[in-house]
C-alpha atoms as a PDB file:
ATOM      1  CA  UNK A   1     -18.273 -33.812  57.624  1.00  0.00           C
ATOM      2  CA  UNK A   2     -20.444 -31.333  55.801  1.00  0.00           C
ATOM      3  CA  UNK A   3     -18.841 -31.857  52.429  1.00  0.00           C
ATOM      4  CA  UNK A   4     -17.937 -28.754  50.505  1.00  0.00           C
ATOM      5  CA  UNK A   5     -16.846 -25.870  52.717  1.00  0.00           C
ATOM      6  CA  UNK A   6     -16.924 -22.265  51.490  1.00  0.00           C
ATOM      7  CA  UNK A   7     -13.108 -22.175  51.424  1.00  0.00           C
ATOM      8  CA  UNK A   8     -12.888 -25.276  49.233  1.00  0.00           C
ATOM      9  CA  UNK A   9     -15.584 -23.935  46.924  1.00  0.00           C
ATOM     10  CA  UNK A  10     -13.702 -20.629  46.575  1.00  0.00           C
ATOM     11  CA  UNK A  11     -10.444 -22.491  45.841  1.00  0.00           C
ATOM     12  CA  UNK A  12     -12.088 -24.576  43.112  1.00  0.00           C
ATOM     13  CA  UNK A  13     -13.719 -21.501  41.567  1.00  0.00           C
ATOM     14  CA  UNK A  14     -10.474 -19.500  41.644  1.00  0.00           C
ATOM     15  CA  UNK A  15      -8.501 -22.341  40.066  1.00  0.00           C
ATOM     16  CA  UNK A  16     -11.080 -22.730  37.312  1.00  0.00           C
ATOM     17  CA  UNK A  17     -11.094 -19.011  36.532  1.00  0.00           C
ATOM     18  CA  UNK A  18      -7.280 -18.889  36.463  1.00  0.00           C
ATOM     19  CA  UNK A  19      -7.099 -21.848  34.070  1.00  0.00           C
ATOM     20  CA  UNK A  20      -9.734 -20.248  31.820  1.00  0.00           C
ATOM     21  CA  UNK A  21      -7.760 -16.974  31.750  1.00  0.00           C
ATOM     22  CA  UNK A  22      -4.559 -18.786  30.718  1.00  0.00           C
ATOM     23  CA  UNK A  23      -6.334 -20.595  27.890  1.00  0.00           C
ATOM     24  CA  UNK A  24      -7.995 -17.364  26.740  1.00  0.00           C
ATOM     25  CA  UNK A  25      -4.652 -15.555  26.779  1.00  0.00           C
ATOM     26  CA  UNK A  26      -3.041 -18.255  24.641  1.00  0.00           C
ATOM     27  CA  UNK A  27      -5.887 -18.154  22.134  1.00  0.00           C
ATOM     28  CA  UNK A  28      -5.625 -14.363  21.848  1.00  0.00           C
ATOM     29  CA  UNK A  29      -1.842 -14.677  21.338  1.00  0.00           C
ATOM     30  CA  UNK A  30      -1.251 -12.585  24.437  1.00  0.00           C
ATOM     31  CA  UNK A  31       0.567 -15.551  25.970  1.00  0.00           C
ATOM     32  CA  UNK A  32       2.886 -18.061  24.364  1.00  0.00           C
ATOM     33  CA  UNK A  33       3.638 -21.608  25.450  1.00  0.00           C
ATOM     34  CA  UNK A  34       7.077 -21.704  23.879  1.00  0.00           C
ATOM     35  CA  UNK A  35      10.243 -20.561  25.564  1.00  0.00           C
ATOM     36  CA  UNK A  36      12.110 -17.494  24.303  1.00  0.00           C
ATOM     37  CA  UNK A  37      15.059 -18.052  21.982  1.00  0.00           C
ATOM     38  CA  UNK A  38      18.455 -18.210  23.633  1.00  0.00           C
ATOM     39  CA  UNK A  39      21.099 -15.587  22.910  1.00  0.00           C
ATOM     40  CA  UNK A  40      24.870 -15.966  23.025  1.00  0.00           C
ATOM     41  CA  UNK A  41      26.271 -13.950  25.930  1.00  0.00           C
ATOM     42  CA  UNK A  42      29.411 -13.069  23.916  1.00  0.00           C
ATOM     43  CA  UNK A  43      28.077 -11.929  20.547  1.00  0.00           C
ATOM     44  CA  UNK A  44      24.331 -11.581  21.192  1.00  0.00           C
ATOM     45  CA  UNK A  45      23.232 -13.736  18.239  1.00  0.00           C
ATOM     46  CA  UNK A  46      20.516 -16.376  18.553  1.00  0.00           C
ATOM     47  CA  UNK A  47      21.687 -19.875  19.458  1.00  0.00           C
ATOM     48  CA  UNK A  48      20.039 -22.579  17.327  1.00  0.00           C
ATOM     49  CA  UNK A  49      21.919 -25.643  18.575  1.00  0.00           C
ATOM     50  CA  UNK A  50      23.817 -26.437  21.718  1.00  0.00           C
ATOM     51  CA  UNK A  51      26.453 -23.732  21.194  1.00  0.00           C
ATOM     52  CA  UNK A  52      26.718 -20.432  19.353  1.00  0.00           C
ATOM     53  CA  UNK A  53      29.186 -21.404  16.619  1.00  0.00           C
ATOM     54  CA  UNK A  54      29.687 -17.834  15.355  1.00  0.00           C
ATOM     55  CA  UNK A  55      32.998 -17.168  17.065  1.00  0.00           C
ATOM     56  CA  UNK A  56      35.044 -20.359  17.113  1.00  0.00           C
END
C-alpha cells in the first residue's frame, strides 16, 4: 500500500471545496437551510400548522 492515491486525494479536495462553497453560500444568504413554507393545494394560502384551516 502506497497510502494516498491521486484519486483519493482528488476526492478529498473536491469534497472540501464543495463543503466550503455550501458554507459560503449560506453566509452570503444565497442559500437557506430552512425548508420553504407549505401552501394549501385548494386555496393557495400558507399552512402554519398541520392543516390549512381556512376552508373548513
